[in-house]
Amino acid sequence: MLSAVVVGKKDSPVPFFRDILKAAGLAVPQTDEALLKIWRREQERVHAAYANPPRPLPPRLVLTASRAASTK
């Protein structure tokens, strides 16, 4: 998710990062703390994918929206 490398104010995700997650079919975290963790992990995933040589991708911290709904 390349949008994770876009940085907002004070080294944080852009205000519309939750909208990006939702549009990608991922669960939207309710707290800012969870959002920050997810955003940082997605940054790690982007850096790993584009590393030379590529590194293994760390697992996502966010579920798909449908999977999150089924765990409730």
C-alpha atoms as a PDB file:
ATOM      1  CA  MET A   1       0.000   0.000   0.000  1.00  0.00           C
ATOM      2  CA  LEU A   2       2.074   2.868  -1.298  1.00  0.00           C
ATOM      3  CA  SER A   3      -0.177   5.454   0.365  1.00  0.00           C
ATOM      4  CA  ALA A   4       1.425   4.455   3.677  1.00  0.00           C
ATOM      5  CA  VAL A   5       4.632   6.247   2.721  1.00  0.00           C
ATOM      6  CA  VAL A   6       2.783   9.558   2.530  1.00  0.00           C
ATOM      7  CA  VAL A   7       3.409  11.403   5.776  1.00  0.00           C
ATOM      8  CA  GLY A   8       1.073  13.912   7.376  1.00  0.00           C
ATOM      9  CA  LYS A   9       1.796  16.403  10.113  1.00  0.00           C
ATOM     10  CA  LYS A  10       4.155  15.376  12.918  1.00  0.00           C
ATOM     11  CA  ASP A  11       5.283  12.121  11.276  1.00  0.00           C
ATOM     12  CA  SER A  12       1.803  10.640  11.242  1.00  0.00           C
ATOM     13  CA  PRO A  13      -0.537   9.214   8.626  1.00  0.00           C
ATOM     14  CA  VAL A  14      -2.416  11.595   6.390  1.00  0.00           C
ATOM     15  CA  PRO A  15      -5.901  12.422   7.746  1.00  0.00           C
ATOM     16  CA  PHE A  16      -7.584  10.314   5.067  1.00  0.00           C
ATOM     17  CA  PHE A  17      -5.580   7.111   5.731  1.00  0.00           C
ATOM     18  CA  ARG A  18      -8.662   5.496   7.293  1.00  0.00           C
ATOM     19  CA  ASP A  19     -10.538   6.195   4.052  1.00  0.00           C
ATOM     20  CA  ILE A  20      -7.717   4.545   2.109  1.00  0.00           C
ATOM     21  CA  LEU A  21      -7.923   1.426   4.285  1.00  0.00           C
ATOM     22  CA  LYS A  22     -11.677   1.276   3.813  1.00  0.00           C
ATOM     23  CA  ALA A  23     -11.400   1.729   0.042  1.00  0.00           C
ATOM     24  CA  ALA A  24      -8.845  -1.107  -0.057  1.00  0.00           C
ATOM     25  CA  GLY A  25     -11.326  -3.398   1.701  1.00  0.00           C
ATOM     26  CA  LEU A  26      -9.416  -3.419   4.977  1.00  0.00           C
ATOM     27  CA  ALA A  27     -10.799  -2.971   8.471  1.00  0.00           C
ATOM     28  CA  VAL A  28     -10.645   0.583   9.776  1.00  0.00           C
ATOM     29  CA  PRO A  29      -9.095   0.891  13.242  1.00  0.00           C
ATOM     30  CA  GLN A  30     -11.103   2.772  15.829  1.00  0.00           C
ATOM     31  CA  THR A  31      -8.232   4.304  17.776  1.00  0.00           C
ATOM     32  CA  ASP A  32      -5.435   6.589  16.643  1.00  0.00           C
ATOM     33  CA  GLU A  33      -2.941   4.313  18.388  1.00  0.00           C
ATOM     34  CA  ALA A  34      -4.036   1.300  16.321  1.00  0.00           C
ATOM     35  CA  LEU A  35      -4.043   3.402  13.162  1.00  0.00           C
ATOM     36  CA  LEU A  36      -0.463   4.502  13.816  1.00  0.00           C
ATOM     37  CA  LYS A  37       0.691   0.889  14.304  1.00  0.00           C
ATOM     38  CA  ILE A  38      -1.029  -0.212  11.103  1.00  0.00           C
ATOM     39  CA  TRP A  39       0.372   2.743   9.173  1.00  0.00           C
ATOM     40  CA  ARG A  40       3.911   2.007  10.360  1.00  0.00           C
ATOM     41  CA  ARG A  41       3.588  -1.677   9.460  1.00  0.00           C
ATOM     42  CA  GLU A  42       2.350  -0.773   5.976  1.00  0.00           C
ATOM     43  CA  GLN A  43       5.423   1.451   5.613  1.00  0.00           C
ATOM     44  CA  GLU A  44       7.607  -1.513   6.575  1.00  0.00           C
ATOM     45  CA  ARG A  45       5.813  -3.631   3.969  1.00  0.00           C
ATOM     46  CA  VAL A  46       6.402  -1.037   1.228  1.00  0.00           C
ATOM     47  CA  HIS A  47      10.087  -0.738   2.095  1.00  0.00           C
ATOM     48  CA  ALA A  48      10.475  -4.527   2.108  1.00  0.00           C
ATOM     49  CA  ALA A  49       8.715  -4.902  -1.246  1.00  0.00           C
ATOM     50  CA  TYR A  50      10.901  -2.313  -2.935  1.00  0.00           C
ATOM     51  CA  ALA A  51      14.185  -3.216  -1.234  1.00  0.00           C
ATOM     52  CA  ASN A  52      17.025  -4.343  -3.428  1.00  0.00           C
ATOM     53  CA  PRO A  53      17.181  -7.256  -2.999  1.00  0.00           C
ATOM     54  CA  PRO A  54      13.539  -7.595  -1.900  1.00  0.00           C
ATOM     55  CA  ARG A  55      12.945  -8.661   1.697  1.00  0.00           C
ATOM     56  CA  PRO A  56      10.106 -10.838   2.983  1.00  0.00           C
ATOM     57  CA  LEU A  57       6.981  -8.792   3.664  1.00  0.00           C
ATOM     58  CA  PRO A  58       6.012  -8.468   7.319  1.00  0.00           C
ATOM     59  CA  PRO A  59       2.440  -9.630   7.922  1.00  0.00           C
ATOM     60  CA  ARG A  60      -0.336  -7.066   7.846  1.00  0.00           C
ATOM     61  CA  LEU A  61      -1.680  -5.877  11.192  1.00  0.00           C
ATOM     62  CA  VAL A  62      -5.107  -5.116   9.739  1.00  0.00           C
ATOM     63  CA  LEU A  63      -7.676  -7.680   8.628  1.00  0.00           C
ATOM     64  CA  THR A  64      -9.856  -7.441   5.577  1.00  0.00           C
ATOM     65  CA  ALA A  65     -13.147  -5.734   6.434  1.00  0.00           C
ATOM     66  CA  SER A  66     -15.123  -8.937   5.813  1.00  0.00           C
ATOM     67  CA  ARG A  67     -12.836 -11.012   8.029  1.00  0.00           C
ATOM     68  CA  ALA A  68     -12.972  -8.399  10.812  1.00  0.00           C
ATOM     69  CA  ALA A  69     -16.770  -8.422  10.659  1.00  0.00           C
ATOM     70  CA  SER A  70     -16.881 -12.220  10.935  1.00  0.00           C
ATOM     71  CA  THR A  71     -14.762 -12.184  14.114  1.00  0.00           C
ATOM     72  CA  LYS A  72     -17.241  -9.948  15.947  1.00  0.00           C
END
